[in-house]
Protein backbone atom coordinates (compact mmCIF):
# COMPACT_ATOMS: atom_id res chain seq x y z
CA MET A 1 0.00 0.00 0.00
CA ASN A 2 1.23 3.48 -0.86
CA ALA A 3 0.30 6.78 0.75
CA ILE A 4 0.33 10.52 0.24
CA ALA A 5 1.42 12.63 3.23
CA PRO A 6 0.31 16.18 2.47
CA GLY A 7 1.39 19.17 4.46
CA PRO A 8 -1.11 21.87 5.37
CA VAL A 9 -3.39 22.51 2.40
CA GLU A 10 -5.52 25.60 1.86
CA THR A 11 -8.94 24.07 2.53
CA ALA A 12 -11.86 24.94 4.77
CA ILE A 13 -10.41 22.92 7.64
CA LEU A 14 -7.49 25.37 7.99
CA HIS A 15 -9.94 28.18 8.62
CA VAL A 16 -11.19 26.62 11.85
CA LEU A 17 -7.68 27.12 13.23
CA SER A 18 -6.67 30.46 14.70
CA ASP A 19 -5.09 33.19 12.60
CA ASP A 20 -2.10 32.99 14.93
CA TRP A 21 -1.64 29.25 14.32
CA ARG A 22 -1.93 29.68 10.56
CA ALA A 23 0.59 32.55 10.52
CA ARG A 24 3.04 30.63 12.70
CA LYS A 25 2.72 27.46 10.61
CA ARG A 26 3.06 29.37 7.33
CA SER A 27 6.27 30.97 8.62
CA GLU A 28 7.68 27.50 9.44
CA LEU A 29 7.23 26.21 5.89
CA PRO A 30 10.30 26.58 3.67
CA ILE A 31 8.02 27.36 0.72
CA GLY A 32 6.29 30.06 2.81
CA ARG A 33 2.70 29.16 2.00
CA PHE A 34 0.09 26.46 2.38
CA GLY A 35 -0.43 24.02 -0.45
CA GLU A 36 -3.34 24.01 -2.86
CA THR A 37 -5.45 20.96 -3.64
CA HIS A 38 -4.34 20.99 -7.28
CA GLU A 39 -0.77 20.46 -6.04
CA ILE A 40 -1.68 17.28 -4.14
CA ALA A 41 -3.83 15.68 -6.85
CA PRO A 42 -0.96 14.74 -9.22
CA ALA A 43 0.53 12.48 -6.55
CA ALA A 44 -2.78 10.60 -6.31
CA VAL A 45 -3.04 10.32 -10.08
CA PHE A 46 0.51 9.00 -10.25
CA LEU A 47 -0.08 6.37 -7.55
CA ALA A 48 -3.24 5.25 -9.36
CA SER A 49 -1.40 4.94 -12.66
CA GLU A 50 0.51 2.10 -14.25
CA ASP A 51 3.67 4.19 -13.80
CA ALA A 52 3.53 3.41 -10.08
CA SER A 53 2.94 -0.32 -10.55
CA TYR A 54 6.31 -1.23 -9.00
CA MET A 55 5.97 1.08 -5.99
CA VAL A 56 5.07 -0.74 -2.81
CA GLY A 57 4.97 0.76 0.66
CA ALA A 58 5.96 4.23 -0.51
CA THR A 59 4.88 7.50 1.03
CA ILE A 60 4.96 10.58 -1.17
CA HIS A 61 5.45 13.73 0.88
CA VAL A 62 3.72 16.65 -0.84
CA ASN A 63 4.21 19.07 1.99
CA GLY A 64 6.05 22.26 1.00
CA GLY A 65 9.00 21.23 3.12
CA ASP A 66 7.01 20.54 6.29
CA VAL A 67 8.92 17.83 8.15
CA MET A 68 6.74 15.00 9.35
CA ALA A 69 7.95 12.89 12.25
C-alpha cells in the first residue's frame, strides 16, 4: 500500500484554526505558504497509474517542506 502525506493545504479545515496558528505554521514552511489541492492531486493520479505499478509501501510527501515525524 502506498500513501500521500500532504502538508497543510488551503482548505476549509485550515480556517477553523486560529489566525495565529496559521501565521506561525506558514512561517515555518520553507516554501512560505500552504499548499493548494491541485498540487496534491498529481501524486494521487501518479499512484493510481501504471507508472507506479512497482511502488510498494511508498509515502509521497507533498508538503512544501514541512517535516513529518
